[in-house]
Amino acid sequence: MELLWPYVKNYSNPSVEGYLAWVKEQQDSIYQIKFEQTFIYLQAIINYRKAIRTNNPFLKRAAKRTFSPIWSGRHHPIYCLIEVADEVQLMQLYPKVYDIVENNSVIYRSGICNQHQGLDAIIEEINKNLEALIPPVPQYHHWKIAARNCKKFVKLRNNLFKIIGYNNQSSGPRTRPEATIECQRFQALLRGLEFVNPVDSKMTV
């Protein structure tokens, strides 16, 4: 709004076209920088976010390339290399793989359409699940055992949640159950099943 105000207060019939023409005539360097930051780079960030959430590869590519002059002009070779390596890698993929990568920037696993996750975030979640199954200083065979049995442990956990009546999958807004009540329900179930009874240890979940 602050960028528009100098133009609006001096023209009785302001318009978008008139404002863009007026901006080109301005010589103040601070105003030019603020205009560029807001209407070019901030808009590119908004476009990139929109592209990711809607799986729009063309809009995503356009938003990324808006920042290319910054990487070159400010001499950030690492970002230039990342950008070029990403483009080269995409060009070398098989067409079917390329289409999958380009058209699936994010997916949602919860079933809630407004809760998207990037593929890297999903992989990170899986990695955290694996880390919970290994010792603090893991060796290669620890990772191998955890990776091979991760689904079994997840299935075991889901069976436990099903028995105690805890719904881990939500189709509505995310909620956090009250801890005290959940603990009491879990303790009552264990006592009823004599799950921790050392005399009768045959009961399994």
C-alpha atoms as a PDB file:
ATOM      1  CA  MET A   1       0.000   0.000   0.000  1.00  0.00           C
ATOM      2  CA  GLU A   2       2.880   2.365   0.782  1.00  0.00           C
ATOM      3  CA  LEU A   3       4.231   1.844  -2.714  1.00  0.00           C
ATOM      4  CA  LEU A   4       0.898   2.702  -4.319  1.00  0.00           C
ATOM      5  CA  TRP A   5       0.079   5.711  -2.187  1.00  0.00           C
ATOM      6  CA  PRO A   6       2.445   8.249  -3.861  1.00  0.00           C
ATOM      7  CA  TYR A   7       0.856   7.457  -7.218  1.00  0.00           C
ATOM      8  CA  VAL A   8      -2.761   7.340  -6.036  1.00  0.00           C
ATOM      9  CA  LYS A   9      -2.678  10.677  -4.181  1.00  0.00           C
ATOM     10  CA  ASN A  10      -1.311  12.515  -7.241  1.00  0.00           C
ATOM     11  CA  TYR A  11      -3.679  11.120  -9.887  1.00  0.00           C
ATOM     12  CA  SER A  12      -7.434  11.584  -9.926  1.00  0.00           C
ATOM     13  CA  ASN A  13      -8.036   8.490 -12.084  1.00  0.00           C
ATOM     14  CA  PRO A  14      -5.436   5.876 -11.063  1.00  0.00           C
ATOM     15  CA  SER A  15      -5.121   2.586 -12.925  1.00  0.00           C
ATOM     16  CA  VAL A  16      -2.843  -0.434 -13.001  1.00  0.00           C
ATOM     17  CA  GLU A  17      -1.396   0.502 -16.375  1.00  0.00           C
ATOM     18  CA  GLY A  18      -0.854   4.070 -15.227  1.00  0.00           C
ATOM     19  CA  TYR A  19       0.909   2.931 -12.071  1.00  0.00           C
ATOM     20  CA  LEU A  20       3.284   0.615 -13.953  1.00  0.00           C
ATOM     21  CA  ALA A  21       4.138   3.429 -16.367  1.00  0.00           C
ATOM     22  CA  TRP A  22       4.628   5.830 -13.460  1.00  0.00           C
ATOM     23  CA  VAL A  23       6.992   3.409 -11.684  1.00  0.00           C
ATOM     24  CA  LYS A  24       9.332   3.351 -14.681  1.00  0.00           C
ATOM     25  CA  GLU A  25       9.713   7.119 -14.418  1.00  0.00           C
ATOM     26  CA  GLN A  26      10.768   7.104 -10.775  1.00  0.00           C
ATOM     27  CA  GLN A  27      14.443   7.771 -10.052  1.00  0.00           C
ATOM     28  CA  ASP A  28      14.469   7.156  -6.297  1.00  0.00           C
ATOM     29  CA  SER A  29      16.665   4.090  -5.724  1.00  0.00           C
ATOM     30  CA  ILE A  30      14.971   3.054  -2.469  1.00  0.00           C
ATOM     31  CA  TYR A  31      11.548   3.109  -4.131  1.00  0.00           C
ATOM     32  CA  GLN A  32      12.851   1.056  -7.052  1.00  0.00           C
ATOM     33  CA  ILE A  33      14.358  -1.539  -4.686  1.00  0.00           C
ATOM     34  CA  LYS A  34      11.133  -1.819  -2.660  1.00  0.00           C
ATOM     35  CA  PHE A  35       9.092  -2.147  -5.839  1.00  0.00           C
ATOM     36  CA  GLU A  36      11.372  -4.914  -7.116  1.00  0.00           C
ATOM     37  CA  GLN A  37      11.321  -6.736  -3.775  1.00  0.00           C
ATOM     38  CA  THR A  38       7.534  -6.592  -3.490  1.00  0.00           C
ATOM     39  CA  PHE A  39       6.178  -6.964  -7.002  1.00  0.00           C
ATOM     40  CA  ILE A  40       8.841  -9.265  -8.467  1.00  0.00           C
ATOM     41  CA  TYR A  41      10.493 -11.403  -5.817  1.00  0.00           C
ATOM     42  CA  LEU A  42       7.694 -11.523  -3.255  1.00  0.00           C
ATOM     43  CA  GLN A  43       5.257 -12.356  -6.045  1.00  0.00           C
ATOM     44  CA  ALA A  44       7.643 -15.095  -7.184  1.00  0.00           C
ATOM     45  CA  ILE A  45       7.580 -16.581  -3.665  1.00  0.00           C
ATOM     46  CA  ILE A  46       3.769 -16.505  -3.688  1.00  0.00           C
ATOM     47  CA  ASN A  47       3.738 -18.095  -7.134  1.00  0.00           C
ATOM     48  CA  TYR A  48       6.149 -20.818  -6.006  1.00  0.00           C
ATOM     49  CA  ARG A  49       4.020 -21.636  -2.966  1.00  0.00           C
ATOM     50  CA  LYS A  50       0.892 -21.738  -5.129  1.00  0.00           C
ATOM     51  CA  ALA A  51       2.654 -23.959  -7.671  1.00  0.00           C
ATOM     52  CA  ILE A  52       3.780 -26.414  -5.006  1.00  0.00           C
ATOM     53  CA  ARG A  53       0.359 -26.678  -3.382  1.00  0.00           C
ATOM     54  CA  THR A  54      -1.410 -27.142  -6.737  1.00  0.00           C
ATOM     55  CA  ASN A  55       1.260 -29.316  -8.433  1.00  0.00           C
ATOM     56  CA  ASN A  56       1.746 -26.787 -11.230  1.00  0.00           C
ATOM     57  CA  PRO A  57       5.200 -27.474 -12.738  1.00  0.00           C
ATOM     58  CA  PHE A  58       5.156 -24.542 -15.165  1.00  0.00           C
ATOM     59  CA  LEU A  59       4.370 -21.968 -12.495  1.00  0.00           C
ATOM     60  CA  LYS A  60       6.981 -23.534 -10.204  1.00  0.00           C
ATOM     61  CA  ARG A  61       9.667 -23.337 -12.879  1.00  0.00           C
ATOM     62  CA  ALA A  62       8.796 -19.729 -13.692  1.00  0.00           C
ATOM     63  CA  ALA A  63       8.954 -18.739 -10.018  1.00  0.00           C
ATOM     64  CA  LYS A  64      12.328 -20.464  -9.543  1.00  0.00           C
ATOM     65  CA  ARG A  65      13.853 -18.779 -12.548  1.00  0.00           C
ATOM     66  CA  THR A  66      12.790 -15.357 -11.292  1.00  0.00           C
ATOM     67  CA  PHE A  67      15.514 -15.732  -8.648  1.00  0.00           C
ATOM     68  CA  SER A  68      18.199 -16.801 -11.107  1.00  0.00           C
ATOM     69  CA  PRO A  69      19.613 -13.244 -11.535  1.00  0.00           C
ATOM     70  CA  ILE A  70      20.178 -13.067  -7.771  1.00  0.00           C
ATOM     71  CA  TRP A  71      22.312 -16.207  -7.716  1.00  0.00           C
ATOM     72  CA  SER A  72      24.392 -14.960 -10.651  1.00  0.00           C
ATOM     73  CA  GLY A  73      24.549 -11.286  -9.701  1.00  0.00           C
ATOM     74  CA  ARG A  74      25.476 -11.932  -6.071  1.00  0.00           C
ATOM     75  CA  HIS A  75      28.046 -14.579  -6.988  1.00  0.00           C
ATOM     76  CA  HIS A  76      26.460 -17.542  -5.195  1.00  0.00           C
ATOM     77  CA  PRO A  77      27.984 -20.397  -7.208  1.00  0.00           C
ATOM     78  CA  ILE A  78      26.552 -23.109  -4.971  1.00  0.00           C
ATOM     79  CA  TYR A  79      22.973 -22.052  -5.804  1.00  0.00           C
ATOM     80  CA  CYS A  80      23.816 -21.782  -9.488  1.00  0.00           C
ATOM     81  CA  LEU A  81      25.200 -25.323  -9.415  1.00  0.00           C
ATOM     82  CA  ILE A  82      22.140 -26.639  -7.558  1.00  0.00           C
ATOM     83  CA  GLU A  83      19.820 -25.037 -10.103  1.00  0.00           C
ATOM     84  CA  VAL A  84      21.775 -26.353 -13.085  1.00  0.00           C
ATOM     85  CA  ALA A  85      22.195 -29.831 -11.564  1.00  0.00           C
ATOM     86  CA  ASP A  86      18.457 -30.018 -10.909  1.00  0.00           C
ATOM     87  CA  GLU A  87      17.635 -29.111 -14.513  1.00  0.00           C
ATOM     88  CA  VAL A  88      20.201 -31.568 -15.913  1.00  0.00           C
ATOM     89  CA  GLN A  89      18.914 -34.368 -13.690  1.00  0.00           C
ATOM     90  CA  LEU A  90      15.340 -33.769 -14.834  1.00  0.00           C
ATOM     91  CA  MET A  91      16.431 -33.834 -18.481  1.00  0.00           C
ATOM     92  CA  GLN A  92      18.115 -37.223 -18.004  1.00  0.00           C
ATOM     93  CA  LEU A  93      15.112 -38.938 -16.428  1.00  0.00           C
ATOM     94  CA  TYR A  94      12.929 -41.375 -18.309  1.00  0.00           C
ATOM     95  CA  PRO A  95       9.796 -39.615 -19.606  1.00  0.00           C
ATOM     96  CA  LYS A  96       7.439 -41.453 -17.243  1.00  0.00           C
ATOM     97  CA  VAL A  97       9.632 -40.686 -14.225  1.00  0.00           C
ATOM     98  CA  TYR A  98       9.983 -37.073 -15.356  1.00  0.00           C
ATOM     99  CA  ASP A  99       6.198 -36.670 -15.533  1.00  0.00           C
ATOM    100  CA  ILE A 100       5.780 -38.120 -12.034  1.00  0.00           C
ATOM    101  CA  VAL A 101       8.401 -35.818 -10.531  1.00  0.00           C
ATOM    102  CA  GLU A 102       7.157 -32.716 -12.330  1.00  0.00           C
ATOM    103  CA  ASN A 103       3.450 -33.246 -11.692  1.00  0.00           C
ATOM    104  CA  ASN A 104       3.659 -34.411  -8.076  1.00  0.00           C
ATOM    105  CA  SER A 105       5.517 -31.753  -6.117  1.00  0.00           C
ATOM    106  CA  VAL A 106       3.360 -32.492  -3.082  1.00  0.00           C
ATOM    107  CA  ILE A 107       0.840 -35.107  -2.032  1.00  0.00           C
ATOM    108  CA  TYR A 108      -1.382 -35.491   1.004  1.00  0.00           C
ATOM    109  CA  ARG A 109      -1.389 -38.717   2.984  1.00  0.00           C
ATOM    110  CA  SER A 110      -3.931 -37.706   5.630  1.00  0.00           C
ATOM    111  CA  GLY A 111      -6.862 -37.506   3.212  1.00  0.00           C
ATOM    112  CA  ILE A 112      -7.267 -33.820   4.016  1.00  0.00           C
ATOM    113  CA  CYS A 113      -6.851 -31.894   0.776  1.00  0.00           C
ATOM    114  CA  ASN A 114      -5.489 -28.733   2.430  1.00  0.00           C
ATOM    115  CA  GLN A 115      -2.701 -30.547   4.289  1.00  0.00           C
ATOM    116  CA  HIS A 116      -0.050 -31.175   1.663  1.00  0.00           C
ATOM    117  CA  GLN A 117       3.437 -32.552   2.166  1.00  0.00           C
ATOM    118  CA  GLY A 118       6.463 -32.443  -0.066  1.00  0.00           C
ATOM    119  CA  LEU A 119       8.048 -35.735  -1.024  1.00  0.00           C
ATOM    120  CA  ASP A 120      11.172 -34.849   0.943  1.00  0.00           C
ATOM    121  CA  ALA A 121       9.026 -34.213   4.045  1.00  0.00           C
ATOM    122  CA  ILE A 122       7.377 -37.625   3.676  1.00  0.00           C
ATOM    123  CA  ILE A 123      10.766 -39.305   3.346  1.00  0.00           C
ATOM    124  CA  GLU A 124      11.912 -37.419   6.447  1.00  0.00           C
ATOM    125  CA  GLU A 125       8.918 -38.766   8.382  1.00  0.00           C
ATOM    126  CA  ILE A 126       9.816 -42.299   7.346  1.00  0.00           C
ATOM    127  CA  ASN A 127      13.409 -41.660   8.344  1.00  0.00           C
ATOM    128  CA  LYS A 128      12.292 -40.490  11.789  1.00  0.00           C
ATOM    129  CA  ASN A 129      10.257 -43.678  12.210  1.00  0.00           C
ATOM    130  CA  LEU A 130      13.344 -45.694  11.385  1.00  0.00           C
ATOM    131  CA  GLU A 131      15.473 -43.685  13.799  1.00  0.00           C
ATOM    132  CA  ALA A 132      13.043 -44.577  16.602  1.00  0.00           C
ATOM    133  CA  LEU A 133      13.847 -48.261  16.021  1.00  0.00           C
ATOM    134  CA  ILE A 134      17.643 -48.042  16.171  1.00  0.00           C
ATOM    135  CA  PRO A 135      20.160 -47.407  18.991  1.00  0.00           C
ATOM    136  CA  PRO A 136      21.705 -43.944  19.520  1.00  0.00           C
ATOM    137  CA  VAL A 137      24.915 -44.939  17.716  1.00  0.00           C
ATOM    138  CA  PRO A 138      23.611 -47.206  14.962  1.00  0.00           C
ATOM    139  CA  GLN A 139      25.602 -49.512  12.752  1.00  0.00           C
ATOM    140  CA  TYR A 140      24.707 -50.543   9.228  1.00  0.00           C
ATOM    141  CA  HIS A 141      22.985 -53.744  10.323  1.00  0.00           C
ATOM    142  CA  HIS A 142      20.774 -51.725  12.709  1.00  0.00           C
ATOM    143  CA  TRP A 143      19.505 -49.622   9.810  1.00  0.00           C
ATOM    144  CA  LYS A 144      18.959 -52.750   7.756  1.00  0.00           C
ATOM    145  CA  ILE A 145      16.918 -54.460  10.482  1.00  0.00           C
ATOM    146  CA  ALA A 146      14.841 -51.320  11.122  1.00  0.00           C
ATOM    147  CA  ALA A 147      14.154 -50.759   7.427  1.00  0.00           C
ATOM    148  CA  ARG A 148      13.142 -54.372   6.848  1.00  0.00           C
ATOM    149  CA  ASN A 149      10.783 -54.462   9.846  1.00  0.00           C
ATOM    150  CA  CYS A 150       9.453 -50.897   9.895  1.00  0.00           C
ATOM    151  CA  LYS A 151       6.078 -51.834   8.403  1.00  0.00           C
ATOM    152  CA  LYS A 152       5.694 -54.671  10.917  1.00  0.00           C
ATOM    153  CA  PHE A 153       6.248 -52.317  13.829  1.00  0.00           C
ATOM    154  CA  VAL A 154       3.825 -49.789  12.332  1.00  0.00           C
ATOM    155  CA  LYS A 155       1.249 -52.541  11.934  1.00  0.00           C
ATOM    156  CA  LEU A 156       1.801 -53.602  15.542  1.00  0.00           C
ATOM    157  CA  ARG A 157       1.297 -50.029  16.701  1.00  0.00           C
ATOM    158  CA  ASN A 158      -1.900 -49.691  14.658  1.00  0.00           C
ATOM    159  CA  ASN A 159      -3.235 -52.932  16.155  1.00  0.00           C
ATOM    160  CA  LEU A 160      -2.524 -51.574  19.619  1.00  0.00           C
ATOM    161  CA  PHE A 161      -4.330 -48.321  18.840  1.00  0.00           C
ATOM    162  CA  LYS A 162      -7.275 -50.310  17.510  1.00  0.00           C
ATOM    163  CA  ILE A 163      -7.537 -52.396  20.672  1.00  0.00           C
ATOM    164  CA  ILE A 164      -7.447 -49.398  23.019  1.00  0.00           C
ATOM    165  CA  GLY A 165      -9.886 -47.472  20.826  1.00  0.00           C
ATOM    166  CA  TYR A 166      -7.482 -44.732  19.828  1.00  0.00           C
ATOM    167  CA  ASN A 167      -8.055 -43.265  16.377  1.00  0.00           C
ATOM    168  CA  ASN A 168      -4.700 -42.221  14.954  1.00  0.00           C
ATOM    169  CA  GLN A 169      -6.156 -41.186  11.569  1.00  0.00           C
ATOM    170  CA  SER A 170      -8.256 -38.053  11.578  1.00  0.00           C
ATOM    171  CA  SER A 171     -10.527 -36.956   8.746  1.00  0.00           C
ATOM    172  CA  GLY A 172     -11.128 -33.536  10.299  1.00  0.00           C
ATOM    173  CA  PRO A 173      -9.011 -30.860  11.931  1.00  0.00           C
ATOM    174  CA  ARG A 174      -6.072 -32.235  13.855  1.00  0.00           C
ATOM    175  CA  THR A 175      -6.698 -32.610  17.573  1.00  0.00           C
ATOM    176  CA  ARG A 176      -4.603 -33.609  20.548  1.00  0.00           C
ATOM    177  CA  PRO A 177      -6.239 -36.091  22.972  1.00  0.00           C
ATOM    178  CA  GLU A 178      -6.167 -35.330  26.670  1.00  0.00           C
ATOM    179  CA  ALA A 179      -3.137 -37.228  27.999  1.00  0.00           C
ATOM    180  CA  THR A 180      -4.481 -38.176  31.441  1.00  0.00           C
ATOM    181  CA  ILE A 181      -7.657 -39.840  30.130  1.00  0.00           C
ATOM    182  CA  GLU A 182      -5.734 -41.715  27.429  1.00  0.00           C
ATOM    183  CA  CYS A 183      -3.225 -43.008  29.989  1.00  0.00           C
ATOM    184  CA  GLN A 184      -6.003 -44.187  32.302  1.00  0.00           C
ATOM    185  CA  ARG A 185      -7.745 -46.023  29.438  1.00  0.00           C
ATOM    186  CA  PHE A 186      -4.496 -47.656  28.448  1.00  0.00           C
ATOM    187  CA  GLN A 187      -3.722 -48.715  32.028  1.00  0.00           C
ATOM    188  CA  ALA A 188      -7.226 -50.163  32.478  1.00  0.00           C
ATOM    189  CA  LEU A 189      -6.885 -52.175  29.271  1.00  0.00           C
ATOM    190  CA  LEU A 190      -3.495 -53.562  30.279  1.00  0.00           C
ATOM    191  CA  ARG A 191      -4.823 -54.559  33.682  1.00  0.00           C
ATOM    192  CA  GLY A 192      -7.870 -56.210  32.141  1.00  0.00           C
ATOM    193  CA  LEU A 193      -5.697 -58.218  29.753  1.00  0.00           C
ATOM    194  CA  GLU A 194      -3.109 -58.907  32.471  1.00  0.00           C
ATOM    195  CA  PHE A 195      -0.606 -57.854  29.862  1.00  0.00           C
ATOM    196  CA  VAL A 196       2.051 -57.047  32.454  1.00  0.00           C
ATOM    197  CA  ASN A 197       1.311 -60.017  34.657  1.00  0.00           C
ATOM    198  CA  PRO A 198       4.596 -61.994  34.939  1.00  0.00           C
ATOM    199  CA  VAL A 199       2.672 -65.138  35.791  1.00  0.00           C
ATOM    200  CA  ASP A 200       0.667 -65.161  32.553  1.00  0.00           C
ATOM    201  CA  SER A 201       2.776 -63.673  29.751  1.00  0.00           C
ATOM    202  CA  LYS A 202       1.021 -65.362  26.835  1.00  0.00           C
ATOM    203  CA  MET A 203      -1.280 -62.457  26.100  1.00  0.00           C
ATOM    204  CA  THR A 204      -0.118 -60.496  23.050  1.00  0.00           C
ATOM    205  CA  VAL A 205      -1.473 -57.495  21.257  1.00  0.00           C
END
